[in-house]
Each structure stands twice: as C-alpha cells, then as structure tokens.
C-alpha cells in the first residue's frame, strides 16, 4: 500500500490503496504508522498517490456506517492531518488524477502542492451530504473564493487551482518529477530546527514563541559561522 523511498536530499512516499486511493480507517492508520517512520532529520517529504492522489472518503463504506462511526472516522482522519500538517519537515503533495474532498484536505495539509496539468482538485462535500472542513482552505485562499468552491461542490483544474493559490506549481506529466525533485533539493541544507519552528509559527504556536524556541536550539551559531566561513552548515552538530 505504501512505498517509502529515501533519497539523499528528500524522502518520497507513494501510496496505492484501491483504484482511487479512497480513504478509510485502515488507510489512515497505516499512513500514520508510515509517517512515524520518517526521520525528523528529513528535509523534504514528497507524498504521491497513484493513479489518483485520492478520490476522498470511501463512500461505499460510509453509506453503511452509523453517525457515531462516521464521527470516529473523521476525528481519526483529522488527527492524522494535524500530524502531517505539523511535521517538522517540508511536505509536498504531488497531485495526479483527482484529489477530491478528504483527498483534497490531505493535499491542503501539506506545505506545498504540485499538480500535473491534467489533474483536478475538488470539494464535493455538499454533493454527497457532508459539510466540508474549510479551515485549511480558508487559510490558503480568499474567503469568498473558498465559499464559492465549497458551497458549489466545485471541481477545478490545475490552472485554476494555481490562479486561486491552491496549487503552487503545475507541470506536464513528462516534466513534473524532474522539476519537483529540483524544487525539493532547494530545501536541503537549511536548518531543520528553523524549518520546524517556522512551520509552527504559521499554525498555532505563534511567531514569538517559535522564534524563542529556534533561538534556544542555538542553530544560529552554526548558521552564522558557516556563512562567515563560506561553508555549508553542519546542523547535526546540535
């Protein structure tokens, strides 16, 4: 279901769980287990689902679950998304095929989203009887655009996702892997402590606390010396 490949400057997770990577409890629990195996020393984690990033919650299962079971499912999924969102390394969603509903939320939980030109992302909750979790979308794009997408249950292409600010980059099927690798490599060599707290500052930690914690780690000593001496910093010394 999950294949983890460690490269010298980034790690790649590729998952395949049925034809559309539909989301159910086994998928969520296994993904959480895999995420726990990723070292905090990782600079970048690329996440990819094939052939579709994820078509969302498994509707065939949902149709037969009681409300309490569905509540448990979504609560567990939200716990996983928070875990991914607060991971100490850079996370990039590589979106091919469809990223729909809960699958779109998975992509929104990553720091960046790259889409193939033919890929689509959708927010169809109102079409199937669910209120879409809008908090991540609201943080990412203007409120009125988020309302337009969510209340209409829209599915949009990569170009429109890029113009709205949902996608960070779109690329052709032939070029996306090479361009994404080049993009990921640019984060290598940066302070993992600084990355960790910079990410937390964008969420709930607060910029003042994030700054204080990064200072306490004393990575700035090595960063300043390395810059002065014209050499790459050695963050693992701390």
C-alpha atoms as a PDB file:
ATOM      1  CA  UNK A   1       0.000   0.000   0.000  1.00  0.00           C
ATOM      2  CA  UNK A   2       2.836   2.421   0.896  1.00  0.00           C
ATOM      3  CA  UNK A   3       6.303   2.606  -0.606  1.00  0.00           C
ATOM      4  CA  UNK A   4       8.886   4.803   1.104  1.00  0.00           C
ATOM      5  CA  UNK A   5      11.997   5.748  -0.883  1.00  0.00           C
ATOM      6  CA  UNK A   6      14.799   7.696   0.771  1.00  0.00           C
ATOM      7  CA  UNK A   7      16.891   9.873  -1.498  1.00  0.00           C
ATOM      8  CA  UNK A   8      19.945  11.797  -0.388  1.00  0.00           C
ATOM      9  CA  UNK A   9      18.080  15.091  -0.006  1.00  0.00           C
ATOM     10  CA  UNK A  10      14.409  14.140   0.276  1.00  0.00           C
ATOM     11  CA  UNK A  11      12.060  11.242   1.036  1.00  0.00           C
ATOM     12  CA  UNK A  12       9.242  10.044  -1.204  1.00  0.00           C
ATOM     13  CA  UNK A  13       6.065   8.259  -0.097  1.00  0.00           C
ATOM     14  CA  UNK A  14       3.983   6.667  -2.843  1.00  0.00           C
ATOM     15  CA  UNK A  15       0.713   5.008  -1.895  1.00  0.00           C
ATOM     16  CA  UNK A  16      -1.811   2.899  -3.765  1.00  0.00           C
ATOM     17  CA  UNK A  17      -4.973   1.784  -1.979  1.00  0.00           C
ATOM     18  CA  UNK A  18      -7.586   0.554  -4.474  1.00  0.00           C
ATOM     19  CA  UNK A  19      -8.157   2.319  -7.801  1.00  0.00           C
ATOM     20  CA  UNK A  20      -8.666   5.774  -6.380  1.00  0.00           C
ATOM     21  CA  UNK A  21      -6.862   5.792  -3.020  1.00  0.00           C
ATOM     22  CA  UNK A  22     -10.176   6.136  -1.213  1.00  0.00           C
ATOM     23  CA  UNK A  23      -9.809   6.918   2.477  1.00  0.00           C
ATOM     24  CA  UNK A  24     -10.901   4.529   5.230  1.00  0.00           C
ATOM     25  CA  UNK A  25      -9.629   3.652   8.711  1.00  0.00           C
ATOM     26  CA  UNK A  26      -7.030   1.068   7.558  1.00  0.00           C
ATOM     27  CA  UNK A  27      -5.613   3.636   5.110  1.00  0.00           C
ATOM     28  CA  UNK A  28      -5.459   6.330   7.807  1.00  0.00           C
ATOM     29  CA  UNK A  29      -3.846   4.091  10.437  1.00  0.00           C
ATOM     30  CA  UNK A  30      -1.268   2.744   8.002  1.00  0.00           C
ATOM     31  CA  UNK A  31      -0.401   6.251   6.778  1.00  0.00           C
ATOM     32  CA  UNK A  32       0.110   7.388  10.379  1.00  0.00           C
ATOM     33  CA  UNK A  33       2.422   4.440  11.003  1.00  0.00           C
ATOM     34  CA  UNK A  34       4.438   5.257   7.882  1.00  0.00           C
ATOM     35  CA  UNK A  35       4.666   8.915   8.873  1.00  0.00           C
ATOM     36  CA  UNK A  36       6.114   7.865  12.229  1.00  0.00           C
ATOM     37  CA  UNK A  37       8.995   6.137  10.419  1.00  0.00           C
ATOM     38  CA  UNK A  38      10.126   9.360   8.718  1.00  0.00           C
ATOM     39  CA  UNK A  39      13.164  10.803  10.457  1.00  0.00           C
ATOM     40  CA  UNK A  40      12.965  14.351  11.779  1.00  0.00           C
ATOM     41  CA  UNK A  41      16.271  14.906  10.002  1.00  0.00           C
ATOM     42  CA  UNK A  42      14.404  14.609   6.696  1.00  0.00           C
ATOM     43  CA  UNK A  43      14.435  17.908   4.807  1.00  0.00           C
ATOM     44  CA  UNK A  44      11.519  17.241   2.458  1.00  0.00           C
ATOM     45  CA  UNK A  45       8.782  14.630   2.202  1.00  0.00           C
ATOM     46  CA  UNK A  46       7.025  14.223  -1.152  1.00  0.00           C
ATOM     47  CA  UNK A  47       3.634  12.495  -0.980  1.00  0.00           C
ATOM     48  CA  UNK A  48       2.121  10.907  -4.066  1.00  0.00           C
ATOM     49  CA  UNK A  49      -0.927   8.728  -4.663  1.00  0.00           C
ATOM     50  CA  UNK A  50      -1.286   6.729  -7.857  1.00  0.00           C
ATOM     51  CA  UNK A  51      -3.104   6.708 -10.193  1.00  0.00           C
ATOM     52  CA  UNK A  52      -5.170   9.334  -8.314  1.00  0.00           C
ATOM     53  CA  UNK A  53      -3.887  11.343  -5.390  1.00  0.00           C
ATOM     54  CA  UNK A  54      -7.112  10.439  -3.571  1.00  0.00           C
ATOM     55  CA  UNK A  55     -10.773  10.458  -4.561  1.00  0.00           C
ATOM     56  CA  UNK A  56     -11.743  11.103  -0.929  1.00  0.00           C
ATOM     57  CA  UNK A  57     -13.633   9.138   1.676  1.00  0.00           C
ATOM     58  CA  UNK A  58     -14.778   5.628   0.771  1.00  0.00           C
ATOM     59  CA  UNK A  59     -18.445   6.360   0.045  1.00  0.00           C
ATOM     60  CA  UNK A  60     -19.334   2.691  -0.307  1.00  0.00           C
ATOM     61  CA  UNK A  61     -18.342   2.184   3.331  1.00  0.00           C
ATOM     62  CA  UNK A  62     -19.796   5.474   4.554  1.00  0.00           C
ATOM     63  CA  UNK A  63     -23.209   4.550   3.201  1.00  0.00           C
ATOM     64  CA  UNK A  64     -23.395   1.728   5.764  1.00  0.00           C
ATOM     65  CA  UNK A  65     -21.879   3.436   8.823  1.00  0.00           C
ATOM     66  CA  UNK A  66     -23.804   4.859  11.768  1.00  0.00           C
ATOM     67  CA  UNK A  67     -23.272   8.559  12.645  1.00  0.00           C
ATOM     68  CA  UNK A  68     -21.032   7.688  15.616  1.00  0.00           C
ATOM     69  CA  UNK A  69     -18.829   5.523  13.370  1.00  0.00           C
ATOM     70  CA  UNK A  70     -18.548   8.310  10.815  1.00  0.00           C
ATOM     71  CA  UNK A  71     -17.694  10.792  13.574  1.00  0.00           C
ATOM     72  CA  UNK A  72     -14.899   8.484  14.749  1.00  0.00           C
ATOM     73  CA  UNK A  73     -13.616   8.103  11.193  1.00  0.00           C
ATOM     74  CA  UNK A  74     -13.436  11.837  10.567  1.00  0.00           C
ATOM     75  CA  UNK A  75     -11.928  12.533  14.001  1.00  0.00           C
ATOM     76  CA  UNK A  76      -9.189   9.980  13.333  1.00  0.00           C
ATOM     77  CA  UNK A  77      -8.561  11.486   9.920  1.00  0.00           C
ATOM     78  CA  UNK A  78      -8.317  14.984  11.375  1.00  0.00           C
ATOM     79  CA  UNK A  79      -5.778  13.707  13.912  1.00  0.00           C
ATOM     80  CA  UNK A  80      -3.707  12.328  11.042  1.00  0.00           C
ATOM     81  CA  UNK A  81      -3.988  15.555   9.011  1.00  0.00           C
ATOM     82  CA  UNK A  82      -2.824  17.573  12.025  1.00  0.00           C
ATOM     83  CA  UNK A  83       0.119  15.203  12.415  1.00  0.00           C
ATOM     84  CA  UNK A  84       1.080  15.720   8.772  1.00  0.00           C
ATOM     85  CA  UNK A  85       0.493  19.458   8.932  1.00  0.00           C
ATOM     86  CA  UNK A  86       2.773  19.864  11.941  1.00  0.00           C
ATOM     87  CA  UNK A  87       5.523  17.531  10.708  1.00  0.00           C
ATOM     88  CA  UNK A  88       8.933  19.145  11.304  1.00  0.00           C
ATOM     89  CA  UNK A  89       9.974  18.775   7.659  1.00  0.00           C
ATOM     90  CA  UNK A  90       8.722  20.315   4.409  1.00  0.00           C
ATOM     91  CA  UNK A  91       5.834  18.342   2.895  1.00  0.00           C
ATOM     92  CA  UNK A  92       4.867  18.476  -0.780  1.00  0.00           C
ATOM     93  CA  UNK A  93       1.788  16.855  -2.320  1.00  0.00           C
ATOM     94  CA  UNK A  94       2.292  15.655  -5.880  1.00  0.00           C
ATOM     95  CA  UNK A  95      -1.231  15.589  -7.302  1.00  0.00           C
ATOM     96  CA  UNK A  96      -2.057  13.379 -10.257  1.00  0.00           C
ATOM     97  CA  UNK A  97      -5.550  12.386 -11.345  1.00  0.00           C
ATOM     98  CA  UNK A  98      -8.101  13.546  -8.777  1.00  0.00           C
ATOM     99  CA  UNK A  99      -7.776  14.992  -5.283  1.00  0.00           C
ATOM    100  CA  UNK A 100     -11.367  15.129  -4.053  1.00  0.00           C
ATOM    101  CA  UNK A 101     -12.976  16.039  -0.724  1.00  0.00           C
ATOM    102  CA  UNK A 102     -10.987  14.394   2.047  1.00  0.00           C
ATOM    103  CA  UNK A 103      -8.297  13.736  -0.572  1.00  0.00           C
ATOM    104  CA  UNK A 104      -8.114  17.466  -1.227  1.00  0.00           C
ATOM    105  CA  UNK A 105      -7.783  18.002   2.527  1.00  0.00           C
ATOM    106  CA  UNK A 106      -4.805  15.648   2.509  1.00  0.00           C
ATOM    107  CA  UNK A 107      -3.167  17.826  -0.134  1.00  0.00           C
ATOM    108  CA  UNK A 108      -4.054  21.018   1.758  1.00  0.00           C
ATOM    109  CA  UNK A 109      -2.355  19.618   4.867  1.00  0.00           C
ATOM    110  CA  UNK A 110       0.956  19.667   3.022  1.00  0.00           C
ATOM    111  CA  UNK A 111       3.118  22.768   2.834  1.00  0.00           C
ATOM    112  CA  UNK A 112       3.083  22.847  -0.964  1.00  0.00           C
ATOM    113  CA  UNK A 113       1.010  21.340  -3.772  1.00  0.00           C
ATOM    114  CA  UNK A 114       2.279  20.451  -7.223  1.00  0.00           C
ATOM    115  CA  UNK A 115      -0.277  19.390  -9.818  1.00  0.00           C
ATOM    116  CA  UNK A 116       0.024  17.695 -13.158  1.00  0.00           C
ATOM    117  CA  UNK A 117      -1.598  19.769 -15.883  1.00  0.00           C
ATOM    118  CA  UNK A 118      -4.445  17.270 -16.270  1.00  0.00           C
ATOM    119  CA  UNK A 119      -5.017  16.788 -12.537  1.00  0.00           C
ATOM    120  CA  UNK A 120      -8.138  18.079 -10.797  1.00  0.00           C
ATOM    121  CA  UNK A 121      -8.956  19.043  -7.224  1.00  0.00           C
ATOM    122  CA  UNK A 122     -12.497  19.146  -5.893  1.00  0.00           C
ATOM    123  CA  UNK A 123     -14.608  19.979  -2.863  1.00  0.00           C
ATOM    124  CA  UNK A 124     -17.799  17.949  -3.425  1.00  0.00           C
ATOM    125  CA  UNK A 125     -18.983  17.617   0.182  1.00  0.00           C
ATOM    126  CA  UNK A 126     -22.349  19.319  -0.402  1.00  0.00           C
ATOM    127  CA  UNK A 127     -22.983  16.938  -3.295  1.00  0.00           C
ATOM    128  CA  UNK A 128     -22.769  13.867  -1.044  1.00  0.00           C
ATOM    129  CA  UNK A 129     -24.212  15.177   2.204  1.00  0.00           C
ATOM    130  CA  UNK A 130     -21.144  16.431   4.098  1.00  0.00           C
ATOM    131  CA  UNK A 131     -20.023  19.800   5.341  1.00  0.00           C
ATOM    132  CA  UNK A 132     -16.509  20.214   4.021  1.00  0.00           C
ATOM    133  CA  UNK A 133     -13.818  21.076   6.583  1.00  0.00           C
ATOM    134  CA  UNK A 134     -12.989  24.581   5.378  1.00  0.00           C
ATOM    135  CA  UNK A 135     -10.319  25.728   7.843  1.00  0.00           C
ATOM    136  CA  UNK A 136      -7.309  24.818   5.689  1.00  0.00           C
ATOM    137  CA  UNK A 137      -8.830  26.198   2.520  1.00  0.00           C
ATOM    138  CA  UNK A 138      -9.689  29.466   4.296  1.00  0.00           C
ATOM    139  CA  UNK A 139      -6.098  29.836   5.466  1.00  0.00           C
ATOM    140  CA  UNK A 140      -4.876  29.356   1.914  1.00  0.00           C
ATOM    141  CA  UNK A 141      -7.131  31.436  -0.316  1.00  0.00           C
ATOM    142  CA  UNK A 142      -9.544  34.390  -0.012  1.00  0.00           C
ATOM    143  CA  UNK A 143     -12.724  33.583   1.897  1.00  0.00           C
ATOM    144  CA  UNK A 144     -15.082  34.382  -0.966  1.00  0.00           C
ATOM    145  CA  UNK A 145     -13.286  32.020  -3.359  1.00  0.00           C
ATOM    146  CA  UNK A 146     -13.307  29.295  -0.695  1.00  0.00           C
ATOM    147  CA  UNK A 147     -17.064  29.769  -0.203  1.00  0.00           C
ATOM    148  CA  UNK A 148     -17.621  29.635  -3.948  1.00  0.00           C
ATOM    149  CA  UNK A 149     -15.775  26.329  -4.239  1.00  0.00           C
ATOM    150  CA  UNK A 150     -17.224  24.667  -1.139  1.00  0.00           C
ATOM    151  CA  UNK A 151     -20.844  25.750  -1.468  1.00  0.00           C
ATOM    152  CA  UNK A 152     -20.974  24.775  -5.139  1.00  0.00           C
ATOM    153  CA  UNK A 153     -19.136  21.476  -4.646  1.00  0.00           C
ATOM    154  CA  UNK A 154     -16.755  22.515  -7.431  1.00  0.00           C
ATOM    155  CA  UNK A 155     -14.009  20.536  -9.126  1.00  0.00           C
ATOM    156  CA  UNK A 156     -11.306  22.660 -10.763  1.00  0.00           C
ATOM    157  CA  UNK A 157      -8.270  22.015 -12.947  1.00  0.00           C
ATOM    158  CA  UNK A 158      -4.647  22.744 -12.161  1.00  0.00           C
ATOM    159  CA  UNK A 159      -4.537  26.087 -13.940  1.00  0.00           C
ATOM    160  CA  UNK A 160      -7.479  27.420 -11.954  1.00  0.00           C
ATOM    161  CA  UNK A 161      -6.081  25.934  -8.725  1.00  0.00           C
ATOM    162  CA  UNK A 162      -2.822  27.777  -9.455  1.00  0.00           C
ATOM    163  CA  UNK A 163      -4.589  31.076 -10.093  1.00  0.00           C
ATOM    164  CA  UNK A 164      -6.575  30.730  -6.843  1.00  0.00           C
ATOM    165  CA  UNK A 165      -3.429  29.920  -4.824  1.00  0.00           C
ATOM    166  CA  UNK A 166      -4.347  26.306  -4.040  1.00  0.00           C
ATOM    167  CA  UNK A 167      -1.594  24.868  -6.250  1.00  0.00           C
ATOM    168  CA  UNK A 168       1.956  26.172  -6.016  1.00  0.00           C
ATOM    169  CA  UNK A 169       3.048  24.839  -9.396  1.00  0.00           C
ATOM    170  CA  UNK A 170       1.638  22.900 -12.326  1.00  0.00           C
ATOM    171  CA  UNK A 171       3.764  20.826 -14.695  1.00  0.00           C
ATOM    172  CA  UNK A 172       3.352  18.365 -17.516  1.00  0.00           C
ATOM    173  CA  UNK A 173       3.344  14.624 -16.903  1.00  0.00           C
ATOM    174  CA  UNK A 174       6.777  14.387 -18.530  1.00  0.00           C
ATOM    175  CA  UNK A 175       8.343  17.213 -16.545  1.00  0.00           C
ATOM    176  CA  UNK A 176       6.775  17.109 -13.097  1.00  0.00           C
ATOM    177  CA  UNK A 177       9.126  14.556 -11.490  1.00  0.00           C
ATOM    178  CA  UNK A 178      12.315  16.298 -12.582  1.00  0.00           C
ATOM    179  CA  UNK A 179      11.036  19.779 -11.727  1.00  0.00           C
ATOM    180  CA  UNK A 180       9.668  18.621  -8.379  1.00  0.00           C
ATOM    181  CA  UNK A 181      12.984  16.997  -7.481  1.00  0.00           C
ATOM    182  CA  UNK A 182      14.828  20.211  -8.318  1.00  0.00           C
ATOM    183  CA  UNK A 183      12.349  22.127  -6.166  1.00  0.00           C
ATOM    184  CA  UNK A 184      12.716  19.727  -3.228  1.00  0.00           C
ATOM    185  CA  UNK A 185      16.502  19.872  -3.290  1.00  0.00           C
ATOM    186  CA  UNK A 186      16.493  23.621  -2.633  1.00  0.00           C
ATOM    187  CA  UNK A 187      15.388  22.939   0.959  1.00  0.00           C
ATOM    188  CA  UNK A 188      18.333  20.647   1.658  1.00  0.00           C
ATOM    189  CA  UNK A 189      20.976  22.171   3.902  1.00  0.00           C
ATOM    190  CA  UNK A 190      18.602  24.507   5.691  1.00  0.00           C
ATOM    191  CA  UNK A 191      18.311  24.325   9.466  1.00  0.00           C
ATOM    192  CA  UNK A 192      15.780  21.613  10.411  1.00  0.00           C
ATOM    193  CA  UNK A 193      15.139  23.407  13.705  1.00  0.00           C
ATOM    194  CA  UNK A 194      14.411  26.685  11.921  1.00  0.00           C
ATOM    195  CA  UNK A 195      12.119  24.892   9.431  1.00  0.00           C
ATOM    196  CA  UNK A 196      10.255  23.129  12.261  1.00  0.00           C
ATOM    197  CA  UNK A 197       9.501  26.291  14.223  1.00  0.00           C
ATOM    198  CA  UNK A 198       8.877  28.431  11.146  1.00  0.00           C
ATOM    199  CA  UNK A 199       6.146  25.957  10.209  1.00  0.00           C
ATOM    200  CA  UNK A 200       4.684  26.029  13.698  1.00  0.00           C
ATOM    201  CA  UNK A 201       4.638  29.829  13.608  1.00  0.00           C
ATOM    202  CA  UNK A 202       2.227  29.642  10.665  1.00  0.00           C
ATOM    203  CA  UNK A 203      -0.115  27.422  12.693  1.00  0.00           C
ATOM    204  CA  UNK A 204      -0.956  27.719  16.386  1.00  0.00           C
ATOM    205  CA  UNK A 205       2.401  28.170  18.094  1.00  0.00           C
ATOM    206  CA  UNK A 206       2.723  31.883  17.399  1.00  0.00           C
ATOM    207  CA  UNK A 207       5.654  33.678  15.808  1.00  0.00           C
ATOM    208  CA  UNK A 208       7.132  34.970  19.095  1.00  0.00           C
ATOM    209  CA  UNK A 209       7.240  31.519  20.715  1.00  0.00           C
ATOM    210  CA  UNK A 210       8.553  29.957  17.507  1.00  0.00           C
ATOM    211  CA  UNK A 211      11.394  32.473  17.366  1.00  0.00           C
ATOM    212  CA  UNK A 212      12.303  31.880  21.023  1.00  0.00           C
ATOM    213  CA  UNK A 213      12.395  28.078  20.612  1.00  0.00           C
ATOM    214  CA  UNK A 214      14.530  28.291  17.488  1.00  0.00           C
ATOM    215  CA  UNK A 215      16.979  30.561  19.321  1.00  0.00           C
ATOM    216  CA  UNK A 216      17.156  28.139  22.263  1.00  0.00           C
ATOM    217  CA  UNK A 217      18.274  25.391  19.858  1.00  0.00           C
ATOM    218  CA  UNK A 218      21.332  27.557  19.045  1.00  0.00           C
ATOM    219  CA  UNK A 219      21.351  26.674  15.357  1.00  0.00           C
ATOM    220  CA  UNK A 220      22.006  30.349  14.690  1.00  0.00           C
ATOM    221  CA  UNK A 221      25.586  29.896  15.978  1.00  0.00           C
ATOM    222  CA  UNK A 222      26.369  27.344  13.284  1.00  0.00           C
ATOM    223  CA  UNK A 223      24.400  29.223  10.632  1.00  0.00           C
ATOM    224  CA  UNK A 224      26.271  32.467  11.228  1.00  0.00           C
ATOM    225  CA  UNK A 225      29.702  30.798  11.399  1.00  0.00           C
ATOM    226  CA  UNK A 226      29.079  28.758   8.258  1.00  0.00           C
ATOM    227  CA  UNK A 227      28.041  31.896   6.374  1.00  0.00           C
ATOM    228  CA  UNK A 228      31.112  33.814   7.550  1.00  0.00           C
ATOM    229  CA  UNK A 229      33.430  30.894   6.733  1.00  0.00           C
ATOM    230  CA  UNK A 230      31.840  30.260   3.353  1.00  0.00           C
ATOM    231  CA  UNK A 231      30.919  26.606   4.018  1.00  0.00           C
ATOM    232  CA  UNK A 232      27.717  24.550   4.279  1.00  0.00           C
ATOM    233  CA  UNK A 233      26.297  24.497   7.825  1.00  0.00           C
ATOM    234  CA  UNK A 234      26.524  21.274   9.826  1.00  0.00           C
ATOM    235  CA  UNK A 235      23.202  21.188  11.634  1.00  0.00           C
ATOM    236  CA  UNK A 236      23.712  17.707  13.075  1.00  0.00           C
ATOM    237  CA  UNK A 237      26.336  19.127  15.456  1.00  0.00           C
ATOM    238  CA  UNK A 238      23.457  20.368  17.642  1.00  0.00           C
END
